[in-house]
Amino acid sequence: MSKSLAHTKWMCKYHIVFTPKYRRKVIYNQYKASIVEILKDLCKWKGVEIIEGNARIDHIHLLVSIPPKYSVSVIMGYLKGKSATMIFDRHANLKYKFGNRHFWARGYYVSTVGLNEATIAKYVREQEKHDQMMDRISTKEHDDPFRG
């Protein structure tokens, strides 16, 4: 569904994935709820619609609709910069782990959605199931091939 501004019809949707610094597993329990709330607020303030989102223990998946007046890099700089400040304000003890207000890793993954929105929304929604299945597969113990 297209949206419109004064002189523009647009449909700019992106799948974005970003991680905490050093891919630390910190997005859980009270931090998860707080980080999700912060990201929702920041997106709302910029007019970015979160279509689907999933906060995993060591990364964030977002399917977002970004107005064409903003580039993806501007929105990501805003989200990661402001959210880091807000996270450290709410959870001061994280400063010892991350130091100097660097909560997020430098890069991020982004892909345009096009007309595959339903497929990508399903992927983001079911990421937890996929991770659990992969954990079960990878934790299987194998016999040591070097023992007789």
N, C-alpha and C. Protein backbone atom coordinates (compact mmCIF):
# COMPACT_ATOMS: atom_id res chain seq x y z
N MET A 1 0.84 -1.17 0.00
CA MET A 1 0.00 0.00 0.00
C MET A 1 0.89 1.25 0.00
N SER A 2 0.64 2.11 -0.92
CA SER A 2 1.42 3.34 -1.04
C SER A 2 0.97 4.35 0.00
N LYS A 3 1.91 5.15 0.43
CA LYS A 3 1.61 6.26 1.33
C LYS A 3 1.85 7.54 0.54
N SER A 4 1.47 8.67 1.11
CA SER A 4 1.69 9.90 0.35
C SER A 4 2.10 11.05 1.25
N LEU A 5 2.90 11.90 0.66
CA LEU A 5 3.26 13.19 1.25
C LEU A 5 2.58 14.24 0.37
N ALA A 6 2.93 15.49 0.51
CA ALA A 6 2.27 16.56 -0.23
C ALA A 6 2.29 16.32 -1.75
N HIS A 7 3.44 15.95 -2.30
CA HIS A 7 3.55 15.78 -3.75
C HIS A 7 4.18 14.45 -4.12
N THR A 8 4.04 13.46 -3.24
CA THR A 8 4.75 12.20 -3.46
C THR A 8 3.89 11.02 -3.05
N LYS A 9 3.89 9.97 -3.88
CA LYS A 9 3.35 8.67 -3.50
C LYS A 9 4.56 7.78 -3.30
N TRP A 10 4.60 7.02 -2.19
CA TRP A 10 5.79 6.23 -1.92
C TRP A 10 5.48 4.94 -1.19
N MET A 11 6.40 3.99 -1.37
CA MET A 11 6.37 2.72 -0.65
C MET A 11 7.83 2.29 -0.50
N CYS A 12 8.45 2.72 0.57
CA CYS A 12 9.87 2.46 0.83
C CYS A 12 9.99 1.58 2.07
N LYS A 13 10.13 0.28 1.85
CA LYS A 13 10.19 -0.66 2.98
C LYS A 13 11.54 -1.37 2.96
N TYR A 14 12.08 -1.57 4.17
CA TYR A 14 13.41 -2.15 4.31
C TYR A 14 13.44 -3.19 5.41
N HIS A 15 14.25 -4.22 5.22
CA HIS A 15 14.54 -5.20 6.26
C HIS A 15 15.91 -4.83 6.80
N ILE A 16 15.99 -4.55 8.09
CA ILE A 16 17.23 -4.08 8.72
C ILE A 16 17.58 -5.00 9.88
N VAL A 17 18.86 -5.34 9.98
CA VAL A 17 19.36 -6.14 11.10
C VAL A 17 20.58 -5.43 11.67
N PHE A 18 20.63 -5.24 12.98
CA PHE A 18 21.81 -4.66 13.61
C PHE A 18 22.07 -5.32 14.96
N THR A 19 23.31 -5.22 15.43
CA THR A 19 23.74 -5.98 16.61
C THR A 19 24.40 -5.07 17.65
N PRO A 20 24.40 -5.53 18.92
CA PRO A 20 25.18 -4.83 19.94
C PRO A 20 26.67 -5.01 19.66
N LYS A 21 27.46 -4.13 20.19
CA LYS A 21 28.91 -4.19 20.00
C LYS A 21 29.45 -5.55 20.45
N TYR A 22 30.33 -6.10 19.65
CA TYR A 22 30.95 -7.41 19.89
C TYR A 22 29.91 -8.53 19.93
N ARG A 23 28.72 -8.25 19.38
CA ARG A 23 27.61 -9.22 19.34
C ARG A 23 27.32 -9.81 20.73
N ARG A 24 27.47 -8.96 21.74
CA ARG A 24 27.19 -9.41 23.11
C ARG A 24 25.73 -9.78 23.26
N LYS A 25 25.48 -10.79 24.03
CA LYS A 25 24.13 -11.30 24.24
C LYS A 25 23.46 -10.55 25.40
N VAL A 26 23.03 -9.31 25.13
CA VAL A 26 22.49 -8.47 26.20
C VAL A 26 21.02 -8.13 26.01
N ILE A 27 20.42 -8.48 24.88
CA ILE A 27 19.03 -8.10 24.63
C ILE A 27 18.11 -9.18 25.17
N TYR A 28 17.89 -9.17 26.46
CA TYR A 28 16.99 -10.13 27.10
C TYR A 28 16.49 -9.54 28.41
N ASN A 29 15.50 -10.21 29.00
CA ASN A 29 14.87 -9.79 30.26
C ASN A 29 14.47 -8.33 30.25
N GLN A 30 14.89 -7.57 31.25
CA GLN A 30 14.46 -6.17 31.36
C GLN A 30 15.06 -5.31 30.27
N TYR A 31 16.22 -5.67 29.75
CA TYR A 31 16.83 -4.88 28.68
C TYR A 31 16.03 -4.98 27.39
N LYS A 32 15.52 -6.17 27.09
CA LYS A 32 14.76 -6.38 25.85
C LYS A 32 13.55 -5.46 25.80
N ALA A 33 12.75 -5.46 26.86
CA ALA A 33 11.55 -4.62 26.89
C ALA A 33 11.91 -3.14 26.76
N SER A 34 12.96 -2.73 27.44
CA SER A 34 13.39 -1.35 27.41
C SER A 34 13.90 -0.95 26.02
N ILE A 35 14.71 -1.80 25.41
CA ILE A 35 15.26 -1.51 24.09
C ILE A 35 14.15 -1.45 23.04
N VAL A 36 13.20 -2.38 23.12
CA VAL A 36 12.07 -2.39 22.18
C VAL A 36 11.26 -1.10 22.32
N GLU A 37 11.00 -0.70 23.55
CA GLU A 37 10.24 0.54 23.80
C GLU A 37 10.98 1.75 23.24
N ILE A 38 12.28 1.82 23.47
CA ILE A 38 13.10 2.94 22.97
C ILE A 38 13.06 2.99 21.45
N LEU A 39 13.26 1.85 20.79
CA LEU A 39 13.26 1.83 19.32
C LEU A 39 11.90 2.21 18.75
N LYS A 40 10.82 1.76 19.40
CA LYS A 40 9.48 2.13 18.95
C LYS A 40 9.26 3.63 19.06
N ASP A 41 9.67 4.21 20.18
CA ASP A 41 9.52 5.66 20.38
C ASP A 41 10.31 6.44 19.35
N LEU A 42 11.56 6.07 19.13
CA LEU A 42 12.40 6.79 18.18
C LEU A 42 11.84 6.72 16.77
N CYS A 43 11.35 5.55 16.38
CA CYS A 43 10.76 5.41 15.04
C CYS A 43 9.51 6.27 14.91
N LYS A 44 8.68 6.27 15.93
CA LYS A 44 7.46 7.07 15.90
C LYS A 44 7.79 8.55 15.75
N TRP A 45 8.81 9.02 16.46
CA TRP A 45 9.19 10.44 16.41
C TRP A 45 9.66 10.86 15.02
N LYS A 46 10.23 9.94 14.24
CA LYS A 46 10.71 10.26 12.89
C LYS A 46 9.71 9.90 11.80
N GLY A 47 8.56 9.34 12.18
CA GLY A 47 7.57 8.95 11.18
C GLY A 47 7.90 7.64 10.49
N VAL A 48 8.74 6.83 11.11
CA VAL A 48 9.11 5.52 10.57
C VAL A 48 8.15 4.49 11.15
N GLU A 49 7.51 3.72 10.28
CA GLU A 49 6.56 2.70 10.73
C GLU A 49 7.27 1.36 10.87
N ILE A 50 7.16 0.76 12.04
CA ILE A 50 7.69 -0.60 12.24
C ILE A 50 6.57 -1.56 11.86
N ILE A 51 6.76 -2.25 10.74
CA ILE A 51 5.77 -3.21 10.26
C ILE A 51 5.89 -4.51 11.05
N GLU A 52 7.11 -4.94 11.24
CA GLU A 52 7.39 -6.16 11.99
C GLU A 52 8.73 -5.96 12.68
N GLY A 53 8.88 -6.50 13.87
CA GLY A 53 10.15 -6.40 14.58
C GLY A 53 10.36 -7.62 15.45
N ASN A 54 11.63 -7.93 15.70
CA ASN A 54 11.95 -9.06 16.55
C ASN A 54 13.29 -8.77 17.22
N ALA A 55 13.29 -8.75 18.54
CA ALA A 55 14.52 -8.53 19.30
C ALA A 55 15.04 -9.89 19.75
N ARG A 56 16.12 -10.32 19.18
CA ARG A 56 16.77 -11.57 19.56
C ARG A 56 17.79 -11.25 20.65
N ILE A 57 18.40 -12.27 21.22
CA ILE A 57 19.32 -12.06 22.34
C ILE A 57 20.57 -11.27 21.92
N ASP A 58 20.98 -11.38 20.63
CA ASP A 58 22.19 -10.67 20.20
C ASP A 58 22.01 -9.90 18.90
N HIS A 59 20.78 -9.65 18.46
CA HIS A 59 20.54 -8.81 17.30
C HIS A 59 19.09 -8.38 17.22
N ILE A 60 18.84 -7.35 16.40
CA ILE A 60 17.50 -6.80 16.22
C ILE A 60 17.13 -6.94 14.74
N HIS A 61 15.93 -7.44 14.46
CA HIS A 61 15.37 -7.48 13.11
C HIS A 61 14.26 -6.46 13.05
N LEU A 62 14.25 -5.61 12.02
CA LEU A 62 13.16 -4.67 11.81
C LEU A 62 12.72 -4.70 10.36
N LEU A 63 11.42 -4.72 10.14
CA LEU A 63 10.85 -4.49 8.82
C LEU A 63 10.16 -3.14 8.94
N VAL A 64 10.72 -2.13 8.28
CA VAL A 64 10.25 -0.76 8.49
C VAL A 64 9.88 -0.08 7.17
N SER A 65 9.02 0.91 7.29
CA SER A 65 8.65 1.77 6.18
C SER A 65 9.21 3.16 6.51
N ILE A 66 10.17 3.60 5.71
CA ILE A 66 10.86 4.87 5.96
C ILE A 66 10.41 5.90 4.93
N PRO A 67 9.95 7.08 5.37
CA PRO A 67 9.56 8.12 4.41
C PRO A 67 10.74 8.48 3.49
N PRO A 68 10.45 8.81 2.23
CA PRO A 68 11.54 9.08 1.27
C PRO A 68 12.37 10.33 1.58
N LYS A 69 11.91 11.15 2.50
CA LYS A 69 12.71 12.33 2.86
C LYS A 69 13.93 11.94 3.70
N TYR A 70 13.97 10.69 4.20
CA TYR A 70 15.11 10.19 4.97
C TYR A 70 15.78 9.05 4.23
N SER A 71 17.10 9.00 4.30
CA SER A 71 17.81 7.83 3.79
C SER A 71 17.89 6.78 4.89
N VAL A 72 18.16 5.55 4.50
CA VAL A 72 18.29 4.48 5.48
C VAL A 72 19.45 4.79 6.43
N SER A 73 20.55 5.30 5.90
CA SER A 73 21.71 5.58 6.75
C SER A 73 21.42 6.68 7.76
N VAL A 74 20.63 7.67 7.39
CA VAL A 74 20.26 8.73 8.35
C VAL A 74 19.42 8.14 9.47
N ILE A 75 18.44 7.31 9.12
CA ILE A 75 17.57 6.69 10.13
C ILE A 75 18.38 5.76 11.03
N MET A 76 19.29 4.97 10.45
CA MET A 76 20.09 4.06 11.27
C MET A 76 21.03 4.82 12.19
N GLY A 77 21.64 5.88 11.71
CA GLY A 77 22.48 6.71 12.57
C GLY A 77 21.68 7.29 13.73
N TYR A 78 20.48 7.76 13.43
CA TYR A 78 19.59 8.31 14.45
C TYR A 78 19.18 7.23 15.45
N LEU A 79 18.71 6.07 14.94
CA LEU A 79 18.25 5.00 15.83
C LEU A 79 19.36 4.49 16.74
N LYS A 80 20.51 4.21 16.15
CA LYS A 80 21.59 3.64 16.95
C LYS A 80 22.20 4.67 17.90
N GLY A 81 22.34 5.89 17.44
CA GLY A 81 22.93 6.94 18.29
C GLY A 81 22.03 7.32 19.46
N LYS A 82 20.79 7.66 19.16
CA LYS A 82 19.86 8.07 20.22
C LYS A 82 19.52 6.91 21.15
N SER A 83 19.33 5.71 20.58
CA SER A 83 18.96 4.59 21.44
C SER A 83 20.10 4.23 22.39
N ALA A 84 21.34 4.32 21.93
CA ALA A 84 22.48 4.03 22.82
C ALA A 84 22.48 4.99 24.01
N THR A 85 22.27 6.27 23.73
CA THR A 85 22.22 7.26 24.81
C THR A 85 21.08 6.95 25.78
N MET A 86 19.91 6.62 25.24
CA MET A 86 18.75 6.34 26.08
C MET A 86 18.93 5.04 26.87
N ILE A 87 19.54 4.04 26.26
CA ILE A 87 19.78 2.77 26.95
C ILE A 87 20.71 2.98 28.13
N PHE A 88 21.80 3.73 27.92
CA PHE A 88 22.75 3.98 29.01
C PHE A 88 22.15 4.87 30.10
N ASP A 89 21.23 5.76 29.72
CA ASP A 89 20.55 6.57 30.73
C ASP A 89 19.66 5.71 31.61
N ARG A 90 18.97 4.75 31.00
CA ARG A 90 18.07 3.88 31.77
C ARG A 90 18.80 2.78 32.51
N HIS A 91 19.88 2.28 31.94
CA HIS A 91 20.62 1.15 32.52
C HIS A 91 22.10 1.52 32.66
N ALA A 92 22.39 2.30 33.69
CA ALA A 92 23.74 2.83 33.87
C ALA A 92 24.80 1.73 34.04
N ASN A 93 24.40 0.56 34.55
CA ASN A 93 25.37 -0.52 34.76
C ASN A 93 25.95 -1.05 33.45
N LEU A 94 25.28 -0.82 32.32
CA LEU A 94 25.82 -1.28 31.04
C LEU A 94 27.04 -0.48 30.60
N LYS A 95 27.25 0.68 31.19
CA LYS A 95 28.42 1.50 30.82
C LYS A 95 29.72 0.76 31.10
N TYR A 96 29.71 -0.10 32.11
CA TYR A 96 30.93 -0.83 32.46
C TYR A 96 31.26 -1.88 31.41
N LYS A 97 30.23 -2.46 30.78
CA LYS A 97 30.45 -3.45 29.74
C LYS A 97 30.85 -2.82 28.42
N PHE A 98 30.20 -1.70 28.09
CA PHE A 98 30.36 -1.12 26.76
C PHE A 98 31.22 0.13 26.74
N GLY A 99 31.28 0.86 27.83
CA GLY A 99 32.11 2.05 27.91
C GLY A 99 31.70 3.14 26.93
N ASN A 100 31.90 4.34 27.27
CA ASN A 100 31.77 5.53 26.43
C ASN A 100 30.59 5.52 25.46
N ARG A 101 29.48 4.97 25.87
CA ARG A 101 28.22 5.05 25.13
C ARG A 101 28.26 4.43 23.73
N HIS A 102 29.00 3.37 23.58
CA HIS A 102 29.01 2.63 22.31
C HIS A 102 28.28 1.31 22.51
N PHE A 103 26.98 1.31 22.34
CA PHE A 103 26.19 0.10 22.59
C PHE A 103 26.11 -0.77 21.33
N TRP A 104 25.92 -0.15 20.17
CA TRP A 104 25.71 -0.90 18.93
C TRP A 104 27.00 -1.07 18.15
N ALA A 105 27.09 -2.16 17.41
CA ALA A 105 28.22 -2.38 16.50
C ALA A 105 28.14 -1.35 15.36
N ARG A 106 29.23 -1.15 14.66
CA ARG A 106 29.29 -0.08 13.66
C ARG A 106 28.36 -0.28 12.46
N GLY A 107 28.25 -1.46 11.94
CA GLY A 107 27.50 -1.67 10.71
C GLY A 107 26.08 -2.14 10.94
N TYR A 108 25.41 -2.42 9.85
CA TYR A 108 24.07 -2.99 9.88
C TYR A 108 23.81 -3.64 8.52
N TYR A 109 22.81 -4.51 8.48
CA TYR A 109 22.40 -5.14 7.23
C TYR A 109 21.09 -4.50 6.81
N VAL A 110 20.95 -4.20 5.52
CA VAL A 110 19.69 -3.66 5.01
C VAL A 110 19.42 -4.24 3.64
N SER A 111 18.14 -4.55 3.40
CA SER A 111 17.73 -4.94 2.04
C SER A 111 16.37 -4.33 1.78
N THR A 112 16.13 -4.00 0.53
CA THR A 112 14.83 -3.45 0.16
C THR A 112 13.83 -4.59 0.10
N VAL A 113 12.60 -4.28 0.42
CA VAL A 113 11.58 -5.30 0.51
C VAL A 113 10.87 -5.50 -0.82
N GLY A 114 10.56 -4.44 -1.51
CA GLY A 114 9.81 -4.57 -2.75
C GLY A 114 8.44 -5.15 -2.49
N LEU A 115 8.04 -6.13 -3.28
CA LEU A 115 6.71 -6.72 -3.14
C LEU A 115 6.73 -8.00 -2.30
N ASN A 116 7.86 -8.30 -1.66
CA ASN A 116 7.99 -9.50 -0.84
C ASN A 116 7.72 -9.23 0.63
N GLU A 117 6.93 -8.25 0.96
CA GLU A 117 6.71 -7.85 2.35
C GLU A 117 6.20 -9.00 3.21
N ALA A 118 5.25 -9.76 2.73
CA ALA A 118 4.67 -10.84 3.53
C ALA A 118 5.72 -11.90 3.86
N THR A 119 6.55 -12.23 2.89
CA THR A 119 7.60 -13.23 3.10
C THR A 119 8.61 -12.76 4.13
N ILE A 120 9.04 -11.53 4.03
CA ILE A 120 10.03 -11.00 4.96
C ILE A 120 9.42 -10.81 6.35
N ALA A 121 8.16 -10.36 6.43
CA ALA A 121 7.50 -10.22 7.73
C ALA A 121 7.41 -11.57 8.42
N LYS A 122 7.10 -12.63 7.66
CA LYS A 122 7.05 -13.97 8.23
C LYS A 122 8.43 -14.40 8.72
N TYR A 123 9.47 -14.11 7.94
CA TYR A 123 10.85 -14.45 8.33
C TYR A 123 11.22 -13.77 9.64
N VAL A 124 10.94 -12.48 9.75
CA VAL A 124 11.27 -11.73 10.97
C VAL A 124 10.48 -12.29 12.16
N ARG A 125 9.20 -12.57 11.94
CA ARG A 125 8.34 -13.09 13.00
C ARG A 125 8.80 -14.46 13.49
N GLU A 126 9.25 -15.31 12.58
CA GLU A 126 9.61 -16.69 12.93
C GLU A 126 11.10 -16.88 13.17
N GLN A 127 11.84 -15.81 13.31
CA GLN A 127 13.29 -15.90 13.52
C GLN A 127 13.62 -16.67 14.79
N GLU A 128 12.82 -16.49 15.84
CA GLU A 128 13.07 -17.17 17.10
C GLU A 128 12.97 -18.69 16.93
N LYS A 129 11.94 -19.15 16.23
CA LYS A 129 11.79 -20.59 15.98
C LYS A 129 12.98 -21.13 15.20
N HIS A 130 13.40 -20.37 14.21
CA HIS A 130 14.55 -20.79 13.39
C HIS A 130 15.81 -20.89 14.24
N ASP A 131 16.04 -19.89 15.10
CA ASP A 131 17.22 -19.91 15.97
C ASP A 131 17.18 -21.10 16.92
N GLN A 132 16.00 -21.40 17.48
CA GLN A 132 15.88 -22.54 18.39
C GLN A 132 16.15 -23.85 17.66
N MET A 133 15.66 -23.96 16.44
CA MET A 133 15.89 -25.17 15.67
C MET A 133 17.38 -25.33 15.36
N MET A 134 18.04 -24.24 14.98
CA MET A 134 19.47 -24.29 14.68
C MET A 134 20.28 -24.62 15.93
N ASP A 135 19.85 -24.13 17.10
CA ASP A 135 20.53 -24.46 18.35
C ASP A 135 20.45 -25.95 18.63
N ARG A 136 19.27 -26.53 18.41
CA ARG A 136 19.11 -27.97 18.63
C ARG A 136 20.00 -28.77 17.69
N ILE A 137 20.09 -28.33 16.46
CA ILE A 137 20.93 -29.04 15.48
C ILE A 137 22.39 -28.93 15.85
N SER A 138 22.83 -27.73 16.24
CA SER A 138 24.25 -27.50 16.48
C SER A 138 24.73 -28.05 17.82
N THR A 139 23.82 -28.33 18.76
CA THR A 139 24.26 -28.83 20.07
C THR A 139 24.33 -30.35 20.13
N LYS A 140 23.99 -31.00 19.02
CA LYS A 140 24.06 -32.46 18.98
C LYS A 140 25.52 -32.89 19.13
N GLU A 141 25.76 -33.82 20.05
CA GLU A 141 27.13 -34.29 20.26
C GLU A 141 27.43 -35.41 19.27
N HIS A 142 28.58 -35.33 18.68
CA HIS A 142 29.02 -36.33 17.72
C HIS A 142 30.14 -37.15 18.35
N ASP A 143 30.29 -38.38 17.89
CA ASP A 143 31.39 -39.21 18.36
C ASP A 143 32.71 -38.64 17.85
N ASP A 144 33.72 -38.77 18.67
CA ASP A 144 35.04 -38.29 18.28
C ASP A 144 35.61 -39.24 17.22
N PRO A 145 35.88 -38.74 16.00
CA PRO A 145 36.37 -39.64 14.94
C PRO A 145 37.81 -40.09 15.16
N PHE A 146 38.51 -39.45 16.12
CA PHE A 146 39.91 -39.81 16.33
C PHE A 146 40.09 -40.86 17.42
N ARG A 147 39.00 -41.28 18.02
CA ARG A 147 39.11 -42.34 19.03
C ARG A 147 38.85 -43.69 18.37
N GLY A 148 39.51 -44.69 18.87
CA GLY A 148 39.40 -46.02 18.27
C GLY A 148 38.27 -46.77 18.70
